[in-house]
């Protein structure tokens, strides 16, 4: 984020990130 002249950028969403917070010891 915030980097100029950024090429097309893709985020591969692997999991239910909000729900995964309960599994972070």
PDBML (XML) file of the C-alpha atoms, coordinates in Angstrom:
<?xml version="1.0" encoding="UTF-8" ?>
<PDBx:datablock datablockName="MODEL"
   xmlns:PDBx="http://pdbml.pdb.org/schema/pdbx-v50.xsd"
   xmlns:xsi="http://www.w3.org/2001/XMLSchema-instance"
   xsi:schemaLocation="http://pdbml.pdb.org/schema/pdbx-v50.xsd pdbx-v50.xsd">
   <PDBx:atom_siteCategory>
      <PDBx:atom_site id="1">
         <PDBx:B_iso_or_equiv>0.00</PDBx:B_iso_or_equiv>
         <PDBx:Cartn_x>0.000</PDBx:Cartn_x>
         <PDBx:Cartn_y>0.000</PDBx:Cartn_y>
         <PDBx:Cartn_z>0.000</PDBx:Cartn_z>
         <PDBx:auth_asym_id>A</PDBx:auth_asym_id>
         <PDBx:auth_atom_id>CA</PDBx:auth_atom_id>
         <PDBx:auth_comp_id>UNK</PDBx:auth_comp_id>
         <PDBx:auth_seq_id>1</PDBx:auth_seq_id>
         <PDBx:group_PDB>ATOM</PDBx:group_PDB>
         <PDBx:label_alt_id xsi:nil="true" />
         <PDBx:label_asym_id>A</PDBx:label_asym_id>
         <PDBx:label_atom_id>CA</PDBx:label_atom_id>
         <PDBx:label_comp_id>UNK</PDBx:label_comp_id>
         <PDBx:label_entity_id>1</PDBx:label_entity_id>
         <PDBx:label_seq_id>1</PDBx:label_seq_id>
         <PDBx:occupancy>1.00</PDBx:occupancy>
         <PDBx:pdbx_PDB_model_num>1</PDBx:pdbx_PDB_model_num>
         <PDBx:type_symbol>C</PDBx:type_symbol>
      </PDBx:atom_site>
      <PDBx:atom_site id="2">
         <PDBx:B_iso_or_equiv>0.00</PDBx:B_iso_or_equiv>
         <PDBx:Cartn_x>1.059</PDBx:Cartn_x>
         <PDBx:Cartn_y>3.537</PDBx:Cartn_y>
         <PDBx:Cartn_z>-0.780</PDBx:Cartn_z>
         <PDBx:auth_asym_id>A</PDBx:auth_asym_id>
         <PDBx:auth_atom_id>CA</PDBx:auth_atom_id>
         <PDBx:auth_comp_id>UNK</PDBx:auth_comp_id>
         <PDBx:auth_seq_id>2</PDBx:auth_seq_id>
         <PDBx:group_PDB>ATOM</PDBx:group_PDB>
         <PDBx:label_alt_id xsi:nil="true" />
         <PDBx:label_asym_id>A</PDBx:label_asym_id>
         <PDBx:label_atom_id>CA</PDBx:label_atom_id>
         <PDBx:label_comp_id>UNK</PDBx:label_comp_id>
         <PDBx:label_entity_id>1</PDBx:label_entity_id>
         <PDBx:label_seq_id>2</PDBx:label_seq_id>
         <PDBx:occupancy>1.00</PDBx:occupancy>
         <PDBx:pdbx_PDB_model_num>1</PDBx:pdbx_PDB_model_num>
         <PDBx:type_symbol>C</PDBx:type_symbol>
      </PDBx:atom_site>
      <PDBx:atom_site id="3">
         <PDBx:B_iso_or_equiv>0.00</PDBx:B_iso_or_equiv>
         <PDBx:Cartn_x>3.805</PDBx:Cartn_x>
         <PDBx:Cartn_y>2.536</PDBx:Cartn_y>
         <PDBx:Cartn_z>-3.228</PDBx:Cartn_z>
         <PDBx:auth_asym_id>A</PDBx:auth_asym_id>
         <PDBx:auth_atom_id>CA</PDBx:auth_atom_id>
         <PDBx:auth_comp_id>UNK</PDBx:auth_comp_id>
         <PDBx:auth_seq_id>3</PDBx:auth_seq_id>
         <PDBx:group_PDB>ATOM</PDBx:group_PDB>
         <PDBx:label_alt_id xsi:nil="true" />
         <PDBx:label_asym_id>A</PDBx:label_asym_id>
         <PDBx:label_atom_id>CA</PDBx:label_atom_id>
         <PDBx:label_comp_id>UNK</PDBx:label_comp_id>
         <PDBx:label_entity_id>1</PDBx:label_entity_id>
         <PDBx:label_seq_id>3</PDBx:label_seq_id>
         <PDBx:occupancy>1.00</PDBx:occupancy>
         <PDBx:pdbx_PDB_model_num>1</PDBx:pdbx_PDB_model_num>
         <PDBx:type_symbol>C</PDBx:type_symbol>
      </PDBx:atom_site>
      <PDBx:atom_site id="4">
         <PDBx:B_iso_or_equiv>0.00</PDBx:B_iso_or_equiv>
         <PDBx:Cartn_x>3.759</PDBx:Cartn_x>
         <PDBx:Cartn_y>4.637</PDBx:Cartn_y>
         <PDBx:Cartn_z>-6.395</PDBx:Cartn_z>
         <PDBx:auth_asym_id>A</PDBx:auth_asym_id>
         <PDBx:auth_atom_id>CA</PDBx:auth_atom_id>
         <PDBx:auth_comp_id>UNK</PDBx:auth_comp_id>
         <PDBx:auth_seq_id>4</PDBx:auth_seq_id>
         <PDBx:group_PDB>ATOM</PDBx:group_PDB>
         <PDBx:label_alt_id xsi:nil="true" />
         <PDBx:label_asym_id>A</PDBx:label_asym_id>
         <PDBx:label_atom_id>CA</PDBx:label_atom_id>
         <PDBx:label_comp_id>UNK</PDBx:label_comp_id>
         <PDBx:label_entity_id>1</PDBx:label_entity_id>
         <PDBx:label_seq_id>4</PDBx:label_seq_id>
         <PDBx:occupancy>1.00</PDBx:occupancy>
         <PDBx:pdbx_PDB_model_num>1</PDBx:pdbx_PDB_model_num>
         <PDBx:type_symbol>C</PDBx:type_symbol>
      </PDBx:atom_site>
      <PDBx:atom_site id="5">
         <PDBx:B_iso_or_equiv>0.00</PDBx:B_iso_or_equiv>
         <PDBx:Cartn_x>3.713</PDBx:Cartn_x>
         <PDBx:Cartn_y>3.116</PDBx:Cartn_y>
         <PDBx:Cartn_z>-9.875</PDBx:Cartn_z>
         <PDBx:auth_asym_id>A</PDBx:auth_asym_id>
         <PDBx:auth_atom_id>CA</PDBx:auth_atom_id>
         <PDBx:auth_comp_id>UNK</PDBx:auth_comp_id>
         <PDBx:auth_seq_id>5</PDBx:auth_seq_id>
         <PDBx:group_PDB>ATOM</PDBx:group_PDB>
         <PDBx:label_alt_id xsi:nil="true" />
         <PDBx:label_asym_id>A</PDBx:label_asym_id>
         <PDBx:label_atom_id>CA</PDBx:label_atom_id>
         <PDBx:label_comp_id>UNK</PDBx:label_comp_id>
         <PDBx:label_entity_id>1</PDBx:label_entity_id>
         <PDBx:label_seq_id>5</PDBx:label_seq_id>
         <PDBx:occupancy>1.00</PDBx:occupancy>
         <PDBx:pdbx_PDB_model_num>1</PDBx:pdbx_PDB_model_num>
         <PDBx:type_symbol>C</PDBx:type_symbol>
      </PDBx:atom_site>
      <PDBx:atom_site id="6">
         <PDBx:B_iso_or_equiv>0.00</PDBx:B_iso_or_equiv>
         <PDBx:Cartn_x>2.537</PDBx:Cartn_x>
         <PDBx:Cartn_y>-0.171</PDBx:Cartn_y>
         <PDBx:Cartn_z>-8.450</PDBx:Cartn_z>
         <PDBx:auth_asym_id>A</PDBx:auth_asym_id>
         <PDBx:auth_atom_id>CA</PDBx:auth_atom_id>
         <PDBx:auth_comp_id>UNK</PDBx:auth_comp_id>
         <PDBx:auth_seq_id>6</PDBx:auth_seq_id>
         <PDBx:group_PDB>ATOM</PDBx:group_PDB>
         <PDBx:label_alt_id xsi:nil="true" />
         <PDBx:label_asym_id>A</PDBx:label_asym_id>
         <PDBx:label_atom_id>CA</PDBx:label_atom_id>
         <PDBx:label_comp_id>UNK</PDBx:label_comp_id>
         <PDBx:label_entity_id>1</PDBx:label_entity_id>
         <PDBx:label_seq_id>6</PDBx:label_seq_id>
         <PDBx:occupancy>1.00</PDBx:occupancy>
         <PDBx:pdbx_PDB_model_num>1</PDBx:pdbx_PDB_model_num>
         <PDBx:type_symbol>C</PDBx:type_symbol>
      </PDBx:atom_site>
      <PDBx:atom_site id="7">
         <PDBx:B_iso_or_equiv>0.00</PDBx:B_iso_or_equiv>
         <PDBx:Cartn_x>1.965</PDBx:Cartn_x>
         <PDBx:Cartn_y>-2.969</PDBx:Cartn_y>
         <PDBx:Cartn_z>-11.003</PDBx:Cartn_z>
         <PDBx:auth_asym_id>A</PDBx:auth_asym_id>
         <PDBx:auth_atom_id>CA</PDBx:auth_atom_id>
         <PDBx:auth_comp_id>UNK</PDBx:auth_comp_id>
         <PDBx:auth_seq_id>7</PDBx:auth_seq_id>
         <PDBx:group_PDB>ATOM</PDBx:group_PDB>
         <PDBx:label_alt_id xsi:nil="true" />
         <PDBx:label_asym_id>A</PDBx:label_asym_id>
         <PDBx:label_atom_id>CA</PDBx:label_atom_id>
         <PDBx:label_comp_id>UNK</PDBx:label_comp_id>
         <PDBx:label_entity_id>1</PDBx:label_entity_id>
         <PDBx:label_seq_id>7</PDBx:label_seq_id>
         <PDBx:occupancy>1.00</PDBx:occupancy>
         <PDBx:pdbx_PDB_model_num>1</PDBx:pdbx_PDB_model_num>
         <PDBx:type_symbol>C</PDBx:type_symbol>
      </PDBx:atom_site>
      <PDBx:atom_site id="8">
         <PDBx:B_iso_or_equiv>0.00</PDBx:B_iso_or_equiv>
         <PDBx:Cartn_x>-1.332</PDBx:Cartn_x>
         <PDBx:Cartn_y>-4.873</PDBx:Cartn_y>
         <PDBx:Cartn_z>-10.843</PDBx:Cartn_z>
         <PDBx:auth_asym_id>A</PDBx:auth_asym_id>
         <PDBx:auth_atom_id>CA</PDBx:auth_atom_id>
         <PDBx:auth_comp_id>UNK</PDBx:auth_comp_id>
         <PDBx:auth_seq_id>8</PDBx:auth_seq_id>
         <PDBx:group_PDB>ATOM</PDBx:group_PDB>
         <PDBx:label_alt_id xsi:nil="true" />
         <PDBx:label_asym_id>A</PDBx:label_asym_id>
         <PDBx:label_atom_id>CA</PDBx:label_atom_id>
         <PDBx:label_comp_id>UNK</PDBx:label_comp_id>
         <PDBx:label_entity_id>1</PDBx:label_entity_id>
         <PDBx:label_seq_id>8</PDBx:label_seq_id>
         <PDBx:occupancy>1.00</PDBx:occupancy>
         <PDBx:pdbx_PDB_model_num>1</PDBx:pdbx_PDB_model_num>
         <PDBx:type_symbol>C</PDBx:type_symbol>
      </PDBx:atom_site>
      <PDBx:atom_site id="9">
         <PDBx:B_iso_or_equiv>0.00</PDBx:B_iso_or_equiv>
         <PDBx:Cartn_x>-1.303</PDBx:Cartn_x>
         <PDBx:Cartn_y>-6.459</PDBx:Cartn_y>
         <PDBx:Cartn_z>-7.393</PDBx:Cartn_z>
         <PDBx:auth_asym_id>A</PDBx:auth_asym_id>
         <PDBx:auth_atom_id>CA</PDBx:auth_atom_id>
         <PDBx:auth_comp_id>UNK</PDBx:auth_comp_id>
         <PDBx:auth_seq_id>9</PDBx:auth_seq_id>
         <PDBx:group_PDB>ATOM</PDBx:group_PDB>
         <PDBx:label_alt_id xsi:nil="true" />
         <PDBx:label_asym_id>A</PDBx:label_asym_id>
         <PDBx:label_atom_id>CA</PDBx:label_atom_id>
         <PDBx:label_comp_id>UNK</PDBx:label_comp_id>
         <PDBx:label_entity_id>1</PDBx:label_entity_id>
         <PDBx:label_seq_id>9</PDBx:label_seq_id>
         <PDBx:occupancy>1.00</PDBx:occupancy>
         <PDBx:pdbx_PDB_model_num>1</PDBx:pdbx_PDB_model_num>
         <PDBx:type_symbol>C</PDBx:type_symbol>
      </PDBx:atom_site>
      <PDBx:atom_site id="10">
         <PDBx:B_iso_or_equiv>0.00</PDBx:B_iso_or_equiv>
         <PDBx:Cartn_x>-3.349</PDBx:Cartn_x>
         <PDBx:Cartn_y>-9.449</PDBx:Cartn_y>
         <PDBx:Cartn_z>-6.244</PDBx:Cartn_z>
         <PDBx:auth_asym_id>A</PDBx:auth_asym_id>
         <PDBx:auth_atom_id>CA</PDBx:auth_atom_id>
         <PDBx:auth_comp_id>UNK</PDBx:auth_comp_id>
         <PDBx:auth_seq_id>10</PDBx:auth_seq_id>
         <PDBx:group_PDB>ATOM</PDBx:group_PDB>
         <PDBx:label_alt_id xsi:nil="true" />
         <PDBx:label_asym_id>A</PDBx:label_asym_id>
         <PDBx:label_atom_id>CA</PDBx:label_atom_id>
         <PDBx:label_comp_id>UNK</PDBx:label_comp_id>
         <PDBx:label_entity_id>1</PDBx:label_entity_id>
         <PDBx:label_seq_id>10</PDBx:label_seq_id>
         <PDBx:occupancy>1.00</PDBx:occupancy>
         <PDBx:pdbx_PDB_model_num>1</PDBx:pdbx_PDB_model_num>
         <PDBx:type_symbol>C</PDBx:type_symbol>
      </PDBx:atom_site>
      <PDBx:atom_site id="11">
         <PDBx:B_iso_or_equiv>0.00</PDBx:B_iso_or_equiv>
         <PDBx:Cartn_x>-4.083</PDBx:Cartn_x>
         <PDBx:Cartn_y>-10.698</PDBx:Cartn_y>
         <PDBx:Cartn_z>-2.753</PDBx:Cartn_z>
         <PDBx:auth_asym_id>A</PDBx:auth_asym_id>
         <PDBx:auth_atom_id>CA</PDBx:auth_atom_id>
         <PDBx:auth_comp_id>UNK</PDBx:auth_comp_id>
         <PDBx:auth_seq_id>11</PDBx:auth_seq_id>
         <PDBx:group_PDB>ATOM</PDBx:group_PDB>
         <PDBx:label_alt_id xsi:nil="true" />
         <PDBx:label_asym_id>A</PDBx:label_asym_id>
         <PDBx:label_atom_id>CA</PDBx:label_atom_id>
         <PDBx:label_comp_id>UNK</PDBx:label_comp_id>
         <PDBx:label_entity_id>1</PDBx:label_entity_id>
         <PDBx:label_seq_id>11</PDBx:label_seq_id>
         <PDBx:occupancy>1.00</PDBx:occupancy>
         <PDBx:pdbx_PDB_model_num>1</PDBx:pdbx_PDB_model_num>
         <PDBx:type_symbol>C</PDBx:type_symbol>
      </PDBx:atom_site>
      <PDBx:atom_site id="12">
         <PDBx:B_iso_or_equiv>0.00</PDBx:B_iso_or_equiv>
         <PDBx:Cartn_x>-4.861</PDBx:Cartn_x>
         <PDBx:Cartn_y>-14.415</PDBx:Cartn_y>
         <PDBx:Cartn_z>-2.531</PDBx:Cartn_z>
         <PDBx:auth_asym_id>A</PDBx:auth_asym_id>
         <PDBx:auth_atom_id>CA</PDBx:auth_atom_id>
         <PDBx:auth_comp_id>UNK</PDBx:auth_comp_id>
         <PDBx:auth_seq_id>12</PDBx:auth_seq_id>
         <PDBx:group_PDB>ATOM</PDBx:group_PDB>
         <PDBx:label_alt_id xsi:nil="true" />
         <PDBx:label_asym_id>A</PDBx:label_asym_id>
         <PDBx:label_atom_id>CA</PDBx:label_atom_id>
         <PDBx:label_comp_id>UNK</PDBx:label_comp_id>
         <PDBx:label_entity_id>1</PDBx:label_entity_id>
         <PDBx:label_seq_id>12</PDBx:label_seq_id>
         <PDBx:occupancy>1.00</PDBx:occupancy>
         <PDBx:pdbx_PDB_model_num>1</PDBx:pdbx_PDB_model_num>
         <PDBx:type_symbol>C</PDBx:type_symbol>
      </PDBx:atom_site>
      <PDBx:atom_site id="13">
         <PDBx:B_iso_or_equiv>0.00</PDBx:B_iso_or_equiv>
         <PDBx:Cartn_x>-7.226</PDBx:Cartn_x>
         <PDBx:Cartn_y>-14.781</PDBx:Cartn_y>
         <PDBx:Cartn_z>0.445</PDBx:Cartn_z>
         <PDBx:auth_asym_id>A</PDBx:auth_asym_id>
         <PDBx:auth_atom_id>CA</PDBx:auth_atom_id>
         <PDBx:auth_comp_id>UNK</PDBx:auth_comp_id>
         <PDBx:auth_seq_id>13</PDBx:auth_seq_id>
         <PDBx:group_PDB>ATOM</PDBx:group_PDB>
         <PDBx:label_alt_id xsi:nil="true" />
         <PDBx:label_asym_id>A</PDBx:label_asym_id>
         <PDBx:label_atom_id>CA</PDBx:label_atom_id>
         <PDBx:label_comp_id>UNK</PDBx:label_comp_id>
         <PDBx:label_entity_id>1</PDBx:label_entity_id>
         <PDBx:label_seq_id>13</PDBx:label_seq_id>
         <PDBx:occupancy>1.00</PDBx:occupancy>
         <PDBx:pdbx_PDB_model_num>1</PDBx:pdbx_PDB_model_num>
         <PDBx:type_symbol>C</PDBx:type_symbol>
      </PDBx:atom_site>
      <PDBx:atom_site id="14">
         <PDBx:B_iso_or_equiv>0.00</PDBx:B_iso_or_equiv>
         <PDBx:Cartn_x>-6.413</PDBx:Cartn_x>
         <PDBx:Cartn_y>-18.157</PDBx:Cartn_y>
         <PDBx:Cartn_z>2.008</PDBx:Cartn_z>
         <PDBx:auth_asym_id>A</PDBx:auth_asym_id>
         <PDBx:auth_atom_id>CA</PDBx:auth_atom_id>
         <PDBx:auth_comp_id>UNK</PDBx:auth_comp_id>
         <PDBx:auth_seq_id>14</PDBx:auth_seq_id>
         <PDBx:group_PDB>ATOM</PDBx:group_PDB>
         <PDBx:label_alt_id xsi:nil="true" />
         <PDBx:label_asym_id>A</PDBx:label_asym_id>
         <PDBx:label_atom_id>CA</PDBx:label_atom_id>
         <PDBx:label_comp_id>UNK</PDBx:label_comp_id>
         <PDBx:label_entity_id>1</PDBx:label_entity_id>
         <PDBx:label_seq_id>14</PDBx:label_seq_id>
         <PDBx:occupancy>1.00</PDBx:occupancy>
         <PDBx:pdbx_PDB_model_num>1</PDBx:pdbx_PDB_model_num>
         <PDBx:type_symbol>C</PDBx:type_symbol>
      </PDBx:atom_site>
      <PDBx:atom_site id="15">
         <PDBx:B_iso_or_equiv>0.00</PDBx:B_iso_or_equiv>
         <PDBx:Cartn_x>-8.647</PDBx:Cartn_x>
         <PDBx:Cartn_y>-18.151</PDBx:Cartn_y>
         <PDBx:Cartn_z>5.082</PDBx:Cartn_z>
         <PDBx:auth_asym_id>A</PDBx:auth_asym_id>
         <PDBx:auth_atom_id>CA</PDBx:auth_atom_id>
         <PDBx:auth_comp_id>UNK</PDBx:auth_comp_id>
         <PDBx:auth_seq_id>15</PDBx:auth_seq_id>
         <PDBx:group_PDB>ATOM</PDBx:group_PDB>
         <PDBx:label_alt_id xsi:nil="true" />
         <PDBx:label_asym_id>A</PDBx:label_asym_id>
         <PDBx:label_atom_id>CA</PDBx:label_atom_id>
         <PDBx:label_comp_id>UNK</PDBx:label_comp_id>
         <PDBx:label_entity_id>1</PDBx:label_entity_id>
         <PDBx:label_seq_id>15</PDBx:label_seq_id>
         <PDBx:occupancy>1.00</PDBx:occupancy>
         <PDBx:pdbx_PDB_model_num>1</PDBx:pdbx_PDB_model_num>
         <PDBx:type_symbol>C</PDBx:type_symbol>
      </PDBx:atom_site>
      <PDBx:atom_site id="16">
         <PDBx:B_iso_or_equiv>0.00</PDBx:B_iso_or_equiv>
         <PDBx:Cartn_x>-11.346</PDBx:Cartn_x>
         <PDBx:Cartn_y>-16.429</PDBx:Cartn_y>
         <PDBx:Cartn_z>7.105</PDBx:Cartn_z>
         <PDBx:auth_asym_id>A</PDBx:auth_asym_id>
         <PDBx:auth_atom_id>CA</PDBx:auth_atom_id>
         <PDBx:auth_comp_id>UNK</PDBx:auth_comp_id>
         <PDBx:auth_seq_id>16</PDBx:auth_seq_id>
         <PDBx:group_PDB>ATOM</PDBx:group_PDB>
         <PDBx:label_alt_id xsi:nil="true" />
         <PDBx:label_asym_id>A</PDBx:label_asym_id>
         <PDBx:label_atom_id>CA</PDBx:label_atom_id>
         <PDBx:label_comp_id>UNK</PDBx:label_comp_id>
         <PDBx:label_entity_id>1</PDBx:label_entity_id>
         <PDBx:label_seq_id>16</PDBx:label_seq_id>
         <PDBx:occupancy>1.00</PDBx:occupancy>
         <PDBx:pdbx_PDB_model_num>1</PDBx:pdbx_PDB_model_num>
         <PDBx:type_symbol>C</PDBx:type_symbol>
      </PDBx:atom_site>
      <PDBx:atom_site id="17">
         <PDBx:B_iso_or_equiv>0.00</PDBx:B_iso_or_equiv>
         <PDBx:Cartn_x>-8.888</PDBx:Cartn_x>
         <PDBx:Cartn_y>-13.892</PDBx:Cartn_y>
         <PDBx:Cartn_z>8.494</PDBx:Cartn_z>
         <PDBx:auth_asym_id>A</PDBx:auth_asym_id>
         <PDBx:auth_atom_id>CA</PDBx:auth_atom_id>
         <PDBx:auth_comp_id>UNK</PDBx:auth_comp_id>
         <PDBx:auth_seq_id>17</PDBx:auth_seq_id>
         <PDBx:group_PDB>ATOM</PDBx:group_PDB>
         <PDBx:label_alt_id xsi:nil="true" />
         <PDBx:label_asym_id>A</PDBx:label_asym_id>
         <PDBx:label_atom_id>CA</PDBx:label_atom_id>
         <PDBx:label_comp_id>UNK</PDBx:label_comp_id>
         <PDBx:label_entity_id>1</PDBx:label_entity_id>
         <PDBx:label_seq_id>17</PDBx:label_seq_id>
         <PDBx:occupancy>1.00</PDBx:occupancy>
         <PDBx:pdbx_PDB_model_num>1</PDBx:pdbx_PDB_model_num>
         <PDBx:type_symbol>C</PDBx:type_symbol>
      </PDBx:atom_site>
      <PDBx:atom_site id="18">
         <PDBx:B_iso_or_equiv>0.00</PDBx:B_iso_or_equiv>
         <PDBx:Cartn_x>-11.153</PDBx:Cartn_x>
         <PDBx:Cartn_y>-12.268</PDBx:Cartn_y>
         <PDBx:Cartn_z>11.119</PDBx:Cartn_z>
         <PDBx:auth_asym_id>A</PDBx:auth_asym_id>
         <PDBx:auth_atom_id>CA</PDBx:auth_atom_id>
         <PDBx:auth_comp_id>UNK</PDBx:auth_comp_id>
         <PDBx:auth_seq_id>18</PDBx:auth_seq_id>
         <PDBx:group_PDB>ATOM</PDBx:group_PDB>
         <PDBx:label_alt_id xsi:nil="true" />
         <PDBx:label_asym_id>A</PDBx:label_asym_id>
         <PDBx:label_atom_id>CA</PDBx:label_atom_id>
         <PDBx:label_comp_id>UNK</PDBx:label_comp_id>
         <PDBx:label_entity_id>1</PDBx:label_entity_id>
         <PDBx:label_seq_id>18</PDBx:label_seq_id>
         <PDBx:occupancy>1.00</PDBx:occupancy>
         <PDBx:pdbx_PDB_model_num>1</PDBx:pdbx_PDB_model_num>
         <PDBx:type_symbol>C</PDBx:type_symbol>
      </PDBx:atom_site>
      <PDBx:atom_site id="19">
         <PDBx:B_iso_or_equiv>0.00</PDBx:B_iso_or_equiv>
         <PDBx:Cartn_x>-12.224</PDBx:Cartn_x>
         <PDBx:Cartn_y>-15.667</PDBx:Cartn_y>
         <PDBx:Cartn_z>12.486</PDBx:Cartn_z>
         <PDBx:auth_asym_id>A</PDBx:auth_asym_id>
         <PDBx:auth_atom_id>CA</PDBx:auth_atom_id>
         <PDBx:auth_comp_id>UNK</PDBx:auth_comp_id>
         <PDBx:auth_seq_id>19</PDBx:auth_seq_id>
         <PDBx:group_PDB>ATOM</PDBx:group_PDB>
         <PDBx:label_alt_id xsi:nil="true" />
         <PDBx:label_asym_id>A</PDBx:label_asym_id>
         <PDBx:label_atom_id>CA</PDBx:label_atom_id>
         <PDBx:label_comp_id>UNK</PDBx:label_comp_id>
         <PDBx:label_entity_id>1</PDBx:label_entity_id>
         <PDBx:label_seq_id>19</PDBx:label_seq_id>
         <PDBx:occupancy>1.00</PDBx:occupancy>
         <PDBx:pdbx_PDB_model_num>1</PDBx:pdbx_PDB_model_num>
         <PDBx:type_symbol>C</PDBx:type_symbol>
      </PDBx:atom_site>
      <PDBx:atom_site id="20">
         <PDBx:B_iso_or_equiv>0.00</PDBx:B_iso_or_equiv>
         <PDBx:Cartn_x>-8.616</PDBx:Cartn_x>
         <PDBx:Cartn_y>-16.881</PDBx:Cartn_y>
         <PDBx:Cartn_z>12.495</PDBx:Cartn_z>
         <PDBx:auth_asym_id>A</PDBx:auth_asym_id>
         <PDBx:auth_atom_id>CA</PDBx:auth_atom_id>
         <PDBx:auth_comp_id>UNK</PDBx:auth_comp_id>
         <PDBx:auth_seq_id>20</PDBx:auth_seq_id>
         <PDBx:group_PDB>ATOM</PDBx:group_PDB>
         <PDBx:label_alt_id xsi:nil="true" />
         <PDBx:label_asym_id>A</PDBx:label_asym_id>
         <PDBx:label_atom_id>CA</PDBx:label_atom_id>
         <PDBx:label_comp_id>UNK</PDBx:label_comp_id>
         <PDBx:label_entity_id>1</PDBx:label_entity_id>
         <PDBx:label_seq_id>20</PDBx:label_seq_id>
         <PDBx:occupancy>1.00</PDBx:occupancy>
         <PDBx:pdbx_PDB_model_num>1</PDBx:pdbx_PDB_model_num>
         <PDBx:type_symbol>C</PDBx:type_symbol>
      </PDBx:atom_site>
      <PDBx:atom_site id="21">
         <PDBx:B_iso_or_equiv>0.00</PDBx:B_iso_or_equiv>
         <PDBx:Cartn_x>-7.742</PDBx:Cartn_x>
         <PDBx:Cartn_y>-14.394</PDBx:Cartn_y>
         <PDBx:Cartn_z>15.240</PDBx:Cartn_z>
         <PDBx:auth_asym_id>A</PDBx:auth_asym_id>
         <PDBx:auth_atom_id>CA</PDBx:auth_atom_id>
         <PDBx:auth_comp_id>UNK</PDBx:auth_comp_id>
         <PDBx:auth_seq_id>21</PDBx:auth_seq_id>
         <PDBx:group_PDB>ATOM</PDBx:group_PDB>
         <PDBx:label_alt_id xsi:nil="true" />
         <PDBx:label_asym_id>A</PDBx:label_asym_id>
         <PDBx:label_atom_id>CA</PDBx:label_atom_id>
         <PDBx:label_comp_id>UNK</PDBx:label_comp_id>
         <PDBx:label_entity_id>1</PDBx:label_entity_id>
         <PDBx:label_seq_id>21</PDBx:label_seq_id>
         <PDBx:occupancy>1.00</PDBx:occupancy>
         <PDBx:pdbx_PDB_model_num>1</PDBx:pdbx_PDB_model_num>
         <PDBx:type_symbol>C</PDBx:type_symbol>
      </PDBx:atom_site>
      <PDBx:atom_site id="22">
         <PDBx:B_iso_or_equiv>0.00</PDBx:B_iso_or_equiv>
         <PDBx:Cartn_x>-9.227</PDBx:Cartn_x>
         <PDBx:Cartn_y>-16.799</PDBx:Cartn_y>
         <PDBx:Cartn_z>17.792</PDBx:Cartn_z>
         <PDBx:auth_asym_id>A</PDBx:auth_asym_id>
         <PDBx:auth_atom_id>CA</PDBx:auth_atom_id>
         <PDBx:auth_comp_id>UNK</PDBx:auth_comp_id>
         <PDBx:auth_seq_id>22</PDBx:auth_seq_id>
         <PDBx:group_PDB>ATOM</PDBx:group_PDB>
         <PDBx:label_alt_id xsi:nil="true" />
         <PDBx:label_asym_id>A</PDBx:label_asym_id>
         <PDBx:label_atom_id>CA</PDBx:label_atom_id>
         <PDBx:label_comp_id>UNK</PDBx:label_comp_id>
         <PDBx:label_entity_id>1</PDBx:label_entity_id>
         <PDBx:label_seq_id>22</PDBx:label_seq_id>
         <PDBx:occupancy>1.00</PDBx:occupancy>
         <PDBx:pdbx_PDB_model_num>1</PDBx:pdbx_PDB_model_num>
         <PDBx:type_symbol>C</PDBx:type_symbol>
      </PDBx:atom_site>
      <PDBx:atom_site id="23">
         <PDBx:B_iso_or_equiv>0.00</PDBx:B_iso_or_equiv>
         <PDBx:Cartn_x>-6.554</PDBx:Cartn_x>
         <PDBx:Cartn_y>-19.365</PDBx:Cartn_y>
         <PDBx:Cartn_z>16.836</PDBx:Cartn_z>
         <PDBx:auth_asym_id>A</PDBx:auth_asym_id>
         <PDBx:auth_atom_id>CA</PDBx:auth_atom_id>
         <PDBx:auth_comp_id>UNK</PDBx:auth_comp_id>
         <PDBx:auth_seq_id>23</PDBx:auth_seq_id>
         <PDBx:group_PDB>ATOM</PDBx:group_PDB>
         <PDBx:label_alt_id xsi:nil="true" />
         <PDBx:label_asym_id>A</PDBx:label_asym_id>
         <PDBx:label_atom_id>CA</PDBx:label_atom_id>
         <PDBx:label_comp_id>UNK</PDBx:label_comp_id>
         <PDBx:label_entity_id>1</PDBx:label_entity_id>
         <PDBx:label_seq_id>23</PDBx:label_seq_id>
         <PDBx:occupancy>1.00</PDBx:occupancy>
         <PDBx:pdbx_PDB_model_num>1</PDBx:pdbx_PDB_model_num>
         <PDBx:type_symbol>C</PDBx:type_symbol>
      </PDBx:atom_site>
      <PDBx:atom_site id="24">
         <PDBx:B_iso_or_equiv>0.00</PDBx:B_iso_or_equiv>
         <PDBx:Cartn_x>-3.506</PDBx:Cartn_x>
         <PDBx:Cartn_y>-17.132</PDBx:Cartn_y>
         <PDBx:Cartn_z>17.430</PDBx:Cartn_z>
         <PDBx:auth_asym_id>A</PDBx:auth_asym_id>
         <PDBx:auth_atom_id>CA</PDBx:auth_atom_id>
         <PDBx:auth_comp_id>UNK</PDBx:auth_comp_id>
         <PDBx:auth_seq_id>24</PDBx:auth_seq_id>
         <PDBx:group_PDB>ATOM</PDBx:group_PDB>
         <PDBx:label_alt_id xsi:nil="true" />
         <PDBx:label_asym_id>A</PDBx:label_asym_id>
         <PDBx:label_atom_id>CA</PDBx:label_atom_id>
         <PDBx:label_comp_id>UNK</PDBx:label_comp_id>
         <PDBx:label_entity_id>1</PDBx:label_entity_id>
         <PDBx:label_seq_id>24</PDBx:label_seq_id>
         <PDBx:occupancy>1.00</PDBx:occupancy>
         <PDBx:pdbx_PDB_model_num>1</PDBx:pdbx_PDB_model_num>
         <PDBx:type_symbol>C</PDBx:type_symbol>
      </PDBx:atom_site>
      <PDBx:atom_site id="25">
         <PDBx:B_iso_or_equiv>0.00</PDBx:B_iso_or_equiv>
         <PDBx:Cartn_x>-2.033</PDBx:Cartn_x>
         <PDBx:Cartn_y>-18.200</PDBx:Cartn_y>
         <PDBx:Cartn_z>20.807</PDBx:Cartn_z>
         <PDBx:auth_asym_id>A</PDBx:auth_asym_id>
         <PDBx:auth_atom_id>CA</PDBx:auth_atom_id>
         <PDBx:auth_comp_id>UNK</PDBx:auth_comp_id>
         <PDBx:auth_seq_id>25</PDBx:auth_seq_id>
         <PDBx:group_PDB>ATOM</PDBx:group_PDB>
         <PDBx:label_alt_id xsi:nil="true" />
         <PDBx:label_asym_id>A</PDBx:label_asym_id>
         <PDBx:label_atom_id>CA</PDBx:label_atom_id>
         <PDBx:label_comp_id>UNK</PDBx:label_comp_id>
         <PDBx:label_entity_id>1</PDBx:label_entity_id>
         <PDBx:label_seq_id>25</PDBx:label_seq_id>
         <PDBx:occupancy>1.00</PDBx:occupancy>
         <PDBx:pdbx_PDB_model_num>1</PDBx:pdbx_PDB_model_num>
         <PDBx:type_symbol>C</PDBx:type_symbol>
      </PDBx:atom_site>
   </PDBx:atom_siteCategory>
</PDBx:datablock>
